[in-house]
């Protein structure tokens, strides 16, 4: 695994400490019917996140994410999530690339991910959500 010292990287986007449950799956063809692996976000930013997983991922691996961020959908422009409870609880979905992976303990890894695809409306809502929570953290 890449032993990159990720704490000393100059970042274009501010990372916000935020724990969130995530389902992570490697993108493959044909798509798998099984649920993805569980992960926990350590911090998030507009362009990516750091998470803890029990399985190592190689850099450049393309993965699918379902991120359970309570309250992010309130920043969407449409109001369907306010009417439909299923949509209100839906996770943020994204495709990301593994940038680095470090072994931090036996069977525990930290993985740095860079978002490569998020629906545009979701991305705008997610960025507004991040601004709101970063203001509450500062």
C-alpha atoms as a PDB file:
ATOM      1  CA  UNK A   1       0.000   0.000   0.000  1.00  0.00           C
ATOM      2  CA  UNK A   2       1.078   3.556  -0.602  1.00  0.00           C
ATOM      3  CA  UNK A   3       2.684   4.859   2.582  1.00  0.00           C
ATOM      4  CA  UNK A   4       2.026   8.483   1.700  1.00  0.00           C
ATOM      5  CA  UNK A   5       2.303  10.903   4.626  1.00  0.00           C
ATOM      6  CA  UNK A   6      -1.149  12.341   3.991  1.00  0.00           C
ATOM      7  CA  UNK A   7      -1.149  14.682   7.016  1.00  0.00           C
ATOM      8  CA  UNK A   8       1.453  16.992   5.431  1.00  0.00           C
ATOM      9  CA  UNK A   9      -0.239  17.479   2.066  1.00  0.00           C
ATOM     10  CA  UNK A  10      -1.206  21.045   1.124  1.00  0.00           C
ATOM     11  CA  UNK A  11      -4.878  20.875   0.337  1.00  0.00           C
ATOM     12  CA  UNK A  12      -6.892  23.002  -2.044  1.00  0.00           C
ATOM     13  CA  UNK A  13     -10.097  22.238  -0.107  1.00  0.00           C
ATOM     14  CA  UNK A  14     -10.558  22.320   3.644  1.00  0.00           C
ATOM     15  CA  UNK A  15     -11.249  18.950   5.228  1.00  0.00           C
ATOM     16  CA  UNK A  16     -14.103  18.973   7.732  1.00  0.00           C
ATOM     17  CA  UNK A  17     -13.977  16.392  10.538  1.00  0.00           C
ATOM     18  CA  UNK A  18     -17.152  14.394  10.043  1.00  0.00           C
ATOM     19  CA  UNK A  19     -18.026  10.822  10.900  1.00  0.00           C
ATOM     20  CA  UNK A  20     -20.473   9.238   8.475  1.00  0.00           C
ATOM     21  CA  UNK A  21     -21.380   5.666   7.576  1.00  0.00           C
ATOM     22  CA  UNK A  22     -20.502   4.703   4.030  1.00  0.00           C
ATOM     23  CA  UNK A  23     -21.076   1.726   1.776  1.00  0.00           C
ATOM     24  CA  UNK A  24     -18.096   1.275  -0.549  1.00  0.00           C
ATOM     25  CA  UNK A  25     -17.936  -0.989  -3.615  1.00  0.00           C
ATOM     26  CA  UNK A  26     -15.317  -1.442  -6.267  1.00  0.00           C
ATOM     27  CA  UNK A  27     -16.777  -0.628  -9.686  1.00  0.00           C
ATOM     28  CA  UNK A  28     -16.705  -3.722 -11.831  1.00  0.00           C
ATOM     29  CA  UNK A  29     -18.452  -5.341 -14.749  1.00  0.00           C
ATOM     30  CA  UNK A  30     -20.785  -7.074 -14.435  1.00  0.00           C
ATOM     31  CA  UNK A  31     -22.039  -5.132 -11.402  1.00  0.00           C
ATOM     32  CA  UNK A  32     -22.275  -7.087  -8.180  1.00  0.00           C
ATOM     33  CA  UNK A  33     -25.628  -7.701  -6.478  1.00  0.00           C
ATOM     34  CA  UNK A  34     -24.036  -7.856  -3.039  1.00  0.00           C
ATOM     35  CA  UNK A  35     -23.973  -4.815  -0.757  1.00  0.00           C
ATOM     36  CA  UNK A  36     -20.725  -2.910  -0.502  1.00  0.00           C
ATOM     37  CA  UNK A  37     -18.300  -2.987   2.388  1.00  0.00           C
ATOM     38  CA  UNK A  38     -18.989  -0.762   5.392  1.00  0.00           C
ATOM     39  CA  UNK A  39     -16.681   2.198   6.019  1.00  0.00           C
ATOM     40  CA  UNK A  40     -16.584   5.225   8.307  1.00  0.00           C
ATOM     41  CA  UNK A  41     -15.660   8.694   7.071  1.00  0.00           C
ATOM     42  CA  UNK A  42     -12.968  10.454   9.083  1.00  0.00           C
ATOM     43  CA  UNK A  43     -13.198  13.780   7.256  1.00  0.00           C
ATOM     44  CA  UNK A  44     -14.796  15.169   4.126  1.00  0.00           C
ATOM     45  CA  UNK A  45     -14.137  17.933   1.611  1.00  0.00           C
ATOM     46  CA  UNK A  46     -15.631  19.191  -1.646  1.00  0.00           C
ATOM     47  CA  UNK A  47     -13.227  17.077  -3.674  1.00  0.00           C
ATOM     48  CA  UNK A  48     -12.925  13.919  -1.582  1.00  0.00           C
ATOM     49  CA  UNK A  49     -12.788  12.251   1.793  1.00  0.00           C
ATOM     50  CA  UNK A  50     -10.756  10.083   4.106  1.00  0.00           C
ATOM     51  CA  UNK A  51     -12.326   6.941   5.451  1.00  0.00           C
ATOM     52  CA  UNK A  52     -11.545   3.889   7.549  1.00  0.00           C
ATOM     53  CA  UNK A  53     -12.097   0.432   6.064  1.00  0.00           C
ATOM     54  CA  UNK A  54     -11.208  -3.164   6.878  1.00  0.00           C
ATOM     55  CA  UNK A  55     -10.053  -3.963   3.328  1.00  0.00           C
ATOM     56  CA  UNK A  56      -7.118  -2.268   1.569  1.00  0.00           C
ATOM     57  CA  UNK A  57      -7.705  -0.581  -1.778  1.00  0.00           C
ATOM     58  CA  UNK A  58      -4.963   0.038  -4.334  1.00  0.00           C
ATOM     59  CA  UNK A  59      -4.384   3.597  -5.568  1.00  0.00           C
ATOM     60  CA  UNK A  60      -6.220   4.386  -8.825  1.00  0.00           C
ATOM     61  CA  UNK A  61      -9.017   1.911  -7.970  1.00  0.00           C
ATOM     62  CA  UNK A  62     -12.408   3.323  -8.990  1.00  0.00           C
ATOM     63  CA  UNK A  63     -15.116   2.828  -6.382  1.00  0.00           C
ATOM     64  CA  UNK A  64     -18.763   3.614  -5.785  1.00  0.00           C
ATOM     65  CA  UNK A  65     -19.843   5.304  -2.543  1.00  0.00           C
ATOM     66  CA  UNK A  66     -23.141   5.625  -0.714  1.00  0.00           C
ATOM     67  CA  UNK A  67     -22.547   8.224   1.982  1.00  0.00           C
ATOM     68  CA  UNK A  68     -25.037   8.588   4.832  1.00  0.00           C
ATOM     69  CA  UNK A  69     -24.840  12.317   5.660  1.00  0.00           C
ATOM     70  CA  UNK A  70     -27.809  13.389   7.745  1.00  0.00           C
ATOM     71  CA  UNK A  71     -29.228  16.694   6.525  1.00  0.00           C
ATOM     72  CA  UNK A  72     -27.329  17.134   3.252  1.00  0.00           C
ATOM     73  CA  UNK A  73     -30.478  16.807   1.139  1.00  0.00           C
ATOM     74  CA  UNK A  74     -32.031  19.947   2.632  1.00  0.00           C
ATOM     75  CA  UNK A  75     -29.600  21.892   0.413  1.00  0.00           C
ATOM     76  CA  UNK A  76     -31.087  20.510  -2.821  1.00  0.00           C
ATOM     77  CA  UNK A  77     -32.966  23.018  -4.967  1.00  0.00           C
ATOM     78  CA  UNK A  78     -35.925  20.727  -5.614  1.00  0.00           C
ATOM     79  CA  UNK A  79     -38.351  20.005  -2.817  1.00  0.00           C
ATOM     80  CA  UNK A  80     -39.210  16.379  -3.591  1.00  0.00           C
ATOM     81  CA  UNK A  81     -37.103  15.219  -0.616  1.00  0.00           C
ATOM     82  CA  UNK A  82     -39.419  17.200   1.701  1.00  0.00           C
ATOM     83  CA  UNK A  83     -42.463  15.377   0.392  1.00  0.00           C
ATOM     84  CA  UNK A  84     -40.993  11.894  -0.045  1.00  0.00           C
ATOM     85  CA  UNK A  85     -39.425  10.503   3.157  1.00  0.00           C
ATOM     86  CA  UNK A  86     -37.525   7.842   1.183  1.00  0.00           C
ATOM     87  CA  UNK A  87     -35.750  10.551  -0.824  1.00  0.00           C
ATOM     88  CA  UNK A  88     -35.080  12.594   2.320  1.00  0.00           C
ATOM     89  CA  UNK A  89     -33.098   9.705   3.805  1.00  0.00           C
ATOM     90  CA  UNK A  90     -31.307   8.716   0.595  1.00  0.00           C
ATOM     91  CA  UNK A  91     -27.515   8.704   0.789  1.00  0.00           C
ATOM     92  CA  UNK A  92     -25.223  10.868  -1.286  1.00  0.00           C
ATOM     93  CA  UNK A  93     -23.906   8.674  -4.095  1.00  0.00           C
ATOM     94  CA  UNK A  94     -20.583   9.281  -5.800  1.00  0.00           C
ATOM     95  CA  UNK A  95     -17.847   7.651  -7.805  1.00  0.00           C
ATOM     96  CA  UNK A  96     -14.331   8.169  -6.483  1.00  0.00           C
ATOM     97  CA  UNK A  97     -10.731   7.190  -7.124  1.00  0.00           C
ATOM     98  CA  UNK A  98      -8.432   5.857  -4.429  1.00  0.00           C
ATOM     99  CA  UNK A  99      -5.500   8.264  -4.038  1.00  0.00           C
ATOM    100  CA  UNK A 100      -3.717   6.554  -1.154  1.00  0.00           C
ATOM    101  CA  UNK A 101      -4.211   3.750   1.359  1.00  0.00           C
ATOM    102  CA  UNK A 102      -2.370   3.329   4.678  1.00  0.00           C
ATOM    103  CA  UNK A 103      -2.459   0.416   7.095  1.00  0.00           C
ATOM    104  CA  UNK A 104      -3.199   1.933  10.517  1.00  0.00           C
ATOM    105  CA  UNK A 105      -3.864  -1.208  12.546  1.00  0.00           C
ATOM    106  CA  UNK A 106      -4.417  -4.904  12.066  1.00  0.00           C
ATOM    107  CA  UNK A 107      -7.245  -5.162   9.517  1.00  0.00           C
ATOM    108  CA  UNK A 108      -7.857  -1.396   9.527  1.00  0.00           C
ATOM    109  CA  UNK A 109      -6.886   1.016   6.772  1.00  0.00           C
ATOM    110  CA  UNK A 110      -7.299   4.714   6.066  1.00  0.00           C
ATOM    111  CA  UNK A 111      -8.100   5.484   2.455  1.00  0.00           C
ATOM    112  CA  UNK A 112      -7.926   8.872   0.739  1.00  0.00           C
ATOM    113  CA  UNK A 113     -10.468   9.293  -2.035  1.00  0.00           C
ATOM    114  CA  UNK A 114     -10.915  11.879  -4.771  1.00  0.00           C
ATOM    115  CA  UNK A 115     -14.435  12.352  -6.131  1.00  0.00           C
ATOM    116  CA  UNK A 116     -14.598  11.876  -9.883  1.00  0.00           C
ATOM    117  CA  UNK A 117     -18.368  11.840 -10.468  1.00  0.00           C
ATOM    118  CA  UNK A 118     -21.341  13.188  -8.498  1.00  0.00           C
ATOM    119  CA  UNK A 119     -24.631  14.348  -9.992  1.00  0.00           C
ATOM    120  CA  UNK A 120     -24.384  18.128 -10.413  1.00  0.00           C
ATOM    121  CA  UNK A 121     -27.379  19.014  -8.206  1.00  0.00           C
ATOM    122  CA  UNK A 122     -26.089  16.637  -5.518  1.00  0.00           C
ATOM    123  CA  UNK A 123     -22.603  18.166  -5.734  1.00  0.00           C
ATOM    124  CA  UNK A 124     -23.973  21.681  -5.236  1.00  0.00           C
ATOM    125  CA  UNK A 125     -26.116  20.566  -2.290  1.00  0.00           C
ATOM    126  CA  UNK A 126     -23.174  18.638  -0.798  1.00  0.00           C
ATOM    127  CA  UNK A 127     -20.868  21.671  -1.101  1.00  0.00           C
ATOM    128  CA  UNK A 128     -23.478  23.902   0.577  1.00  0.00           C
ATOM    129  CA  UNK A 129     -23.884  21.296   3.324  1.00  0.00           C
ATOM    130  CA  UNK A 130     -20.101  21.279   3.858  1.00  0.00           C
ATOM    131  CA  UNK A 131     -20.007  25.077   4.116  1.00  0.00           C
ATOM    132  CA  UNK A 132     -22.769  25.002   6.697  1.00  0.00           C
ATOM    133  CA  UNK A 133     -21.149  22.342   8.878  1.00  0.00           C
ATOM    134  CA  UNK A 134     -17.654  23.848   8.553  1.00  0.00           C
ATOM    135  CA  UNK A 135     -19.071  27.170   9.818  1.00  0.00           C
ATOM    136  CA  UNK A 136     -20.579  25.359  12.804  1.00  0.00           C
ATOM    137  CA  UNK A 137     -17.237  23.611  13.527  1.00  0.00           C
ATOM    138  CA  UNK A 138     -15.112  26.808  13.344  1.00  0.00           C
END
